[in-house]
Amino acid sequence: MSGKTVTRADLADTVHQKIGLSRQESSDLVQSVLGMVSESLAQGNSVKLSSFGSFLLRDKNGRIGRNPKTGEEVPIDPRRVLTFKPSQVLKEKVDAGQSKG
């Protein structure tokens, strides 16, 4: 899968091949897992996937920004942002994959 974006269909296909569930069951499983992650984040909870990483919510304060085209000051509203912090295992795996290439 190098050099391309991994999609839900790719994940479902991998589940189908490795576990042997039907294509529909694999698709439903992937959809269910992603739905649980999304729902948990929407409720304000962080999500930690062992040996992969953590999805964290962070509140950012409002501030004054600047329109780069006009230089005009523009207020930026406070907002909640989603961040991802990879685990050490994932970092090492990515680093090992990069040094091979």
N, C-alpha and C. Protein backbone atom coordinates (compact mmCIF):
# COMPACT_ATOMS: atom_id res chain seq x y z
N MET A 1 0.81 -1.19 0.00
CA MET A 1 0.00 0.00 0.00
C MET A 1 0.86 1.26 0.00
N SER A 2 2.12 1.15 -0.28
CA SER A 2 3.02 2.29 -0.24
C SER A 2 2.68 3.31 -1.32
N GLY A 3 2.77 4.60 -0.94
CA GLY A 3 2.55 5.66 -1.90
C GLY A 3 1.10 5.99 -2.17
N LYS A 4 0.17 5.47 -1.40
CA LYS A 4 -1.23 5.79 -1.63
C LYS A 4 -1.95 5.98 -0.29
N THR A 5 -3.12 6.55 -0.37
CA THR A 5 -3.93 6.76 0.81
C THR A 5 -4.73 5.50 1.12
N VAL A 6 -4.75 5.11 2.38
CA VAL A 6 -5.52 3.95 2.81
C VAL A 6 -6.95 4.38 3.07
N THR A 7 -7.90 3.72 2.46
CA THR A 7 -9.31 4.06 2.59
C THR A 7 -10.04 3.04 3.47
N ARG A 8 -11.29 3.33 3.78
CA ARG A 8 -12.12 2.37 4.52
C ARG A 8 -12.23 1.06 3.76
N ALA A 9 -12.36 1.16 2.44
CA ALA A 9 -12.47 -0.05 1.62
C ALA A 9 -11.19 -0.89 1.74
N ASP A 10 -10.03 -0.22 1.78
CA ASP A 10 -8.76 -0.95 1.95
C ASP A 10 -8.72 -1.66 3.30
N LEU A 11 -9.17 -0.97 4.34
CA LEU A 11 -9.19 -1.58 5.67
C LEU A 11 -10.13 -2.78 5.70
N ALA A 12 -11.31 -2.62 5.12
CA ALA A 12 -12.29 -3.72 5.09
C ALA A 12 -11.75 -4.89 4.30
N ASP A 13 -11.07 -4.62 3.19
CA ASP A 13 -10.50 -5.68 2.37
C ASP A 13 -9.42 -6.45 3.13
N THR A 14 -8.61 -5.71 3.88
CA THR A 14 -7.57 -6.36 4.69
C THR A 14 -8.18 -7.24 5.77
N VAL A 15 -9.23 -6.76 6.42
CA VAL A 15 -9.94 -7.57 7.43
C VAL A 15 -10.50 -8.83 6.76
N HIS A 16 -11.09 -8.65 5.59
CA HIS A 16 -11.65 -9.78 4.85
C HIS A 16 -10.57 -10.83 4.55
N GLN A 17 -9.41 -10.39 4.08
CA GLN A 17 -8.35 -11.32 3.71
C GLN A 17 -7.69 -11.97 4.91
N LYS A 18 -7.43 -11.21 5.97
CA LYS A 18 -6.68 -11.75 7.11
C LYS A 18 -7.53 -12.52 8.09
N ILE A 19 -8.79 -12.11 8.27
CA ILE A 19 -9.63 -12.76 9.27
C ILE A 19 -10.63 -13.72 8.64
N GLY A 20 -11.01 -13.44 7.41
CA GLY A 20 -11.91 -14.34 6.72
C GLY A 20 -13.38 -14.01 6.86
N LEU A 21 -13.69 -12.84 7.40
CA LEU A 21 -15.09 -12.43 7.45
C LEU A 21 -15.56 -12.12 6.03
N SER A 22 -16.85 -12.13 5.82
CA SER A 22 -17.36 -11.77 4.50
C SER A 22 -17.03 -10.30 4.23
N ARG A 23 -17.11 -9.90 2.99
CA ARG A 23 -16.82 -8.50 2.65
C ARG A 23 -17.77 -7.55 3.38
N GLN A 24 -19.04 -7.92 3.46
CA GLN A 24 -20.02 -7.08 4.14
C GLN A 24 -19.73 -6.99 5.63
N GLU A 25 -19.43 -8.14 6.25
CA GLU A 25 -19.11 -8.15 7.68
C GLU A 25 -17.84 -7.34 7.95
N SER A 26 -16.85 -7.46 7.08
CA SER A 26 -15.60 -6.70 7.24
C SER A 26 -15.87 -5.21 7.14
N SER A 27 -16.67 -4.82 6.18
CA SER A 27 -17.02 -3.42 6.01
C SER A 27 -17.78 -2.90 7.23
N ASP A 28 -18.72 -3.69 7.73
CA ASP A 28 -19.49 -3.31 8.91
C ASP A 28 -18.59 -3.18 10.14
N LEU A 29 -17.62 -4.08 10.28
CA LEU A 29 -16.70 -4.03 11.41
C LEU A 29 -15.87 -2.76 11.37
N VAL A 30 -15.30 -2.45 10.22
CA VAL A 30 -14.49 -1.23 10.07
C VAL A 30 -15.36 0.00 10.36
N GLN A 31 -16.56 0.02 9.80
CA GLN A 31 -17.48 1.14 10.02
C GLN A 31 -17.81 1.28 11.50
N SER A 32 -18.02 0.17 12.18
CA SER A 32 -18.35 0.18 13.60
C SER A 32 -17.20 0.75 14.44
N VAL A 33 -15.99 0.30 14.16
CA VAL A 33 -14.82 0.77 14.92
C VAL A 33 -14.63 2.27 14.70
N LEU A 34 -14.66 2.70 13.45
CA LEU A 34 -14.48 4.12 13.16
C LEU A 34 -15.63 4.95 13.75
N GLY A 35 -16.82 4.40 13.74
CA GLY A 35 -17.96 5.08 14.35
C GLY A 35 -17.78 5.25 15.85
N MET A 36 -17.27 4.22 16.52
CA MET A 36 -17.02 4.30 17.97
C MET A 36 -15.98 5.37 18.28
N VAL A 37 -14.91 5.40 17.49
CA VAL A 37 -13.86 6.40 17.69
C VAL A 37 -14.45 7.80 17.49
N SER A 38 -15.18 7.99 16.39
CA SER A 38 -15.78 9.30 16.09
C SER A 38 -16.74 9.74 17.18
N GLU A 39 -17.59 8.83 17.61
CA GLU A 39 -18.59 9.16 18.63
C GLU A 39 -17.92 9.53 19.95
N SER A 40 -16.90 8.81 20.32
CA SER A 40 -16.19 9.09 21.57
C SER A 40 -15.54 10.48 21.51
N LEU A 41 -14.93 10.80 20.38
CA LEU A 41 -14.31 12.12 20.22
C LEU A 41 -15.36 13.22 20.23
N ALA A 42 -16.50 12.97 19.59
CA ALA A 42 -17.58 13.96 19.55
C ALA A 42 -18.13 14.24 20.94
N GLN A 43 -18.06 13.25 21.83
CA GLN A 43 -18.53 13.42 23.21
C GLN A 43 -17.48 14.08 24.10
N GLY A 44 -16.30 14.38 23.52
CA GLY A 44 -15.26 15.06 24.28
C GLY A 44 -14.25 14.16 24.94
N ASN A 45 -14.27 12.87 24.60
CA ASN A 45 -13.32 11.92 25.18
C ASN A 45 -12.11 11.75 24.26
N SER A 46 -10.97 11.46 24.84
CA SER A 46 -9.79 11.11 24.06
C SER A 46 -9.87 9.63 23.73
N VAL A 47 -9.18 9.21 22.67
CA VAL A 47 -9.17 7.81 22.27
C VAL A 47 -7.72 7.35 22.19
N LYS A 48 -7.39 6.28 22.92
CA LYS A 48 -6.05 5.73 22.91
C LYS A 48 -6.09 4.33 22.32
N LEU A 49 -5.32 4.11 21.27
CA LEU A 49 -5.19 2.80 20.65
C LEU A 49 -3.78 2.30 20.94
N SER A 50 -3.69 1.31 21.80
CA SER A 50 -2.40 0.80 22.25
C SER A 50 -1.52 0.42 21.07
N SER A 51 -0.26 0.77 21.13
CA SER A 51 0.76 0.50 20.10
C SER A 51 0.49 1.24 18.80
N PHE A 52 -0.46 2.18 18.80
CA PHE A 52 -0.74 2.98 17.61
C PHE A 52 -0.63 4.46 17.95
N GLY A 53 -1.44 4.94 18.88
CA GLY A 53 -1.37 6.34 19.27
C GLY A 53 -2.64 6.80 19.94
N SER A 54 -2.69 8.10 20.20
CA SER A 54 -3.83 8.69 20.89
C SER A 54 -4.40 9.84 20.08
N PHE A 55 -5.73 9.90 20.01
CA PHE A 55 -6.43 11.03 19.44
C PHE A 55 -6.85 11.89 20.62
N LEU A 56 -6.38 13.11 20.65
CA LEU A 56 -6.62 13.99 21.78
C LEU A 56 -7.38 15.24 21.32
N LEU A 57 -8.25 15.74 22.18
CA LEU A 57 -8.97 16.98 21.92
C LEU A 57 -8.29 18.10 22.69
N ARG A 58 -8.15 19.23 22.04
CA ARG A 58 -7.51 20.38 22.67
C ARG A 58 -8.36 21.61 22.41
N ASP A 59 -8.59 22.39 23.44
CA ASP A 59 -9.33 23.64 23.28
C ASP A 59 -8.34 24.77 23.01
N LYS A 60 -8.60 25.53 21.95
CA LYS A 60 -7.75 26.67 21.62
C LYS A 60 -8.52 27.94 21.93
N ASN A 61 -7.84 28.90 22.52
CA ASN A 61 -8.46 30.18 22.86
C ASN A 61 -8.66 31.02 21.60
N GLY A 62 -9.58 31.96 21.71
CA GLY A 62 -9.76 32.92 20.64
C GLY A 62 -8.54 33.83 20.56
N ARG A 63 -8.29 34.38 19.40
CA ARG A 63 -7.14 35.26 19.24
C ARG A 63 -7.37 36.17 18.03
N ILE A 64 -6.49 37.09 17.87
CA ILE A 64 -6.54 37.98 16.72
C ILE A 64 -5.56 37.45 15.68
N GLY A 65 -6.06 37.19 14.48
CA GLY A 65 -5.22 36.74 13.38
C GLY A 65 -5.10 37.86 12.37
N ARG A 66 -4.38 37.60 11.30
CA ARG A 66 -4.18 38.61 10.28
C ARG A 66 -4.42 37.98 8.91
N ASN A 67 -5.23 38.64 8.09
CA ASN A 67 -5.44 38.20 6.72
C ASN A 67 -4.14 38.45 5.95
N PRO A 68 -3.50 37.40 5.44
CA PRO A 68 -2.20 37.59 4.78
C PRO A 68 -2.28 38.42 3.50
N LYS A 69 -3.44 38.43 2.87
CA LYS A 69 -3.58 39.20 1.62
C LYS A 69 -3.69 40.70 1.89
N THR A 70 -4.54 41.03 2.85
CA THR A 70 -4.82 42.45 3.09
C THR A 70 -4.10 43.02 4.31
N GLY A 71 -3.63 42.15 5.20
CA GLY A 71 -3.00 42.61 6.43
C GLY A 71 -4.01 43.02 7.49
N GLU A 72 -5.29 42.87 7.18
CA GLU A 72 -6.36 43.25 8.10
C GLU A 72 -6.41 42.26 9.27
N GLU A 73 -6.59 42.82 10.48
CA GLU A 73 -6.73 41.96 11.66
C GLU A 73 -8.12 41.34 11.67
N VAL A 74 -8.17 40.03 11.99
CA VAL A 74 -9.43 39.30 11.98
C VAL A 74 -9.51 38.48 13.27
N PRO A 75 -10.65 38.54 13.98
CA PRO A 75 -10.77 37.71 15.18
C PRO A 75 -10.96 36.23 14.80
N ILE A 76 -10.26 35.37 15.50
CA ILE A 76 -10.40 33.93 15.32
C ILE A 76 -11.09 33.40 16.57
N ASP A 77 -12.23 32.76 16.37
CA ASP A 77 -13.05 32.27 17.48
C ASP A 77 -12.36 31.12 18.20
N PRO A 78 -12.68 30.95 19.51
CA PRO A 78 -12.17 29.77 20.23
C PRO A 78 -12.73 28.51 19.57
N ARG A 79 -11.95 27.45 19.60
CA ARG A 79 -12.42 26.22 18.97
C ARG A 79 -11.74 25.02 19.61
N ARG A 80 -12.29 23.87 19.31
CA ARG A 80 -11.72 22.61 19.77
C ARG A 80 -11.07 21.95 18.57
N VAL A 81 -9.84 21.47 18.75
CA VAL A 81 -9.13 20.82 17.66
C VAL A 81 -8.77 19.39 18.05
N LEU A 82 -8.66 18.57 17.04
CA LEU A 82 -8.30 17.17 17.22
C LEU A 82 -6.83 17.00 16.86
N THR A 83 -6.07 16.38 17.75
CA THR A 83 -4.66 16.12 17.47
C THR A 83 -4.41 14.62 17.60
N PHE A 84 -3.35 14.18 16.96
CA PHE A 84 -2.94 12.77 17.04
C PHE A 84 -1.53 12.71 17.56
N LYS A 85 -1.31 11.88 18.57
CA LYS A 85 0.03 11.67 19.11
C LYS A 85 0.38 10.20 18.91
N PRO A 86 1.31 9.93 17.99
CA PRO A 86 1.66 8.54 17.72
C PRO A 86 2.39 7.90 18.91
N SER A 87 2.21 6.59 19.07
CA SER A 87 2.91 5.86 20.13
C SER A 87 4.37 5.68 19.73
N GLN A 88 5.17 5.33 20.69
CA GLN A 88 6.60 5.09 20.41
C GLN A 88 6.75 3.91 19.44
N VAL A 89 5.90 2.89 19.56
CA VAL A 89 5.94 1.73 18.67
C VAL A 89 5.70 2.17 17.23
N LEU A 90 4.69 3.02 17.02
CA LEU A 90 4.39 3.51 15.67
C LEU A 90 5.52 4.39 15.14
N LYS A 91 6.07 5.25 15.99
CA LYS A 91 7.18 6.10 15.57
C LYS A 91 8.36 5.26 15.09
N GLU A 92 8.68 4.21 15.85
CA GLU A 92 9.81 3.35 15.48
C GLU A 92 9.53 2.61 14.18
N LYS A 93 8.29 2.16 14.00
CA LYS A 93 7.91 1.44 12.78
C LYS A 93 8.02 2.36 11.56
N VAL A 94 7.53 3.58 11.69
CA VAL A 94 7.61 4.56 10.59
C VAL A 94 9.05 4.89 10.28
N ASP A 95 9.85 5.11 11.34
CA ASP A 95 11.26 5.43 11.15
C ASP A 95 12.00 4.28 10.46
N ALA A 96 11.71 3.05 10.85
CA ALA A 96 12.34 1.88 10.23
C ALA A 96 11.94 1.77 8.77
N GLY A 97 10.67 2.06 8.46
CA GLY A 97 10.19 2.02 7.08
C GLY A 97 10.84 3.08 6.23
N GLN A 98 11.10 4.25 6.79
CA GLN A 98 11.73 5.34 6.06
C GLN A 98 13.19 5.04 5.77
N SER A 99 13.88 4.40 6.71
CA SER A 99 15.31 4.13 6.51
C SER A 99 15.52 3.02 5.47
N LYS A 100 14.49 2.19 5.22
CA LYS A 100 14.59 1.16 4.19
C LYS A 100 14.55 1.76 2.79
N GLY A 101 13.76 2.84 2.62
CA GLY A 101 13.53 3.45 1.33
C GLY A 101 14.56 4.39 0.93
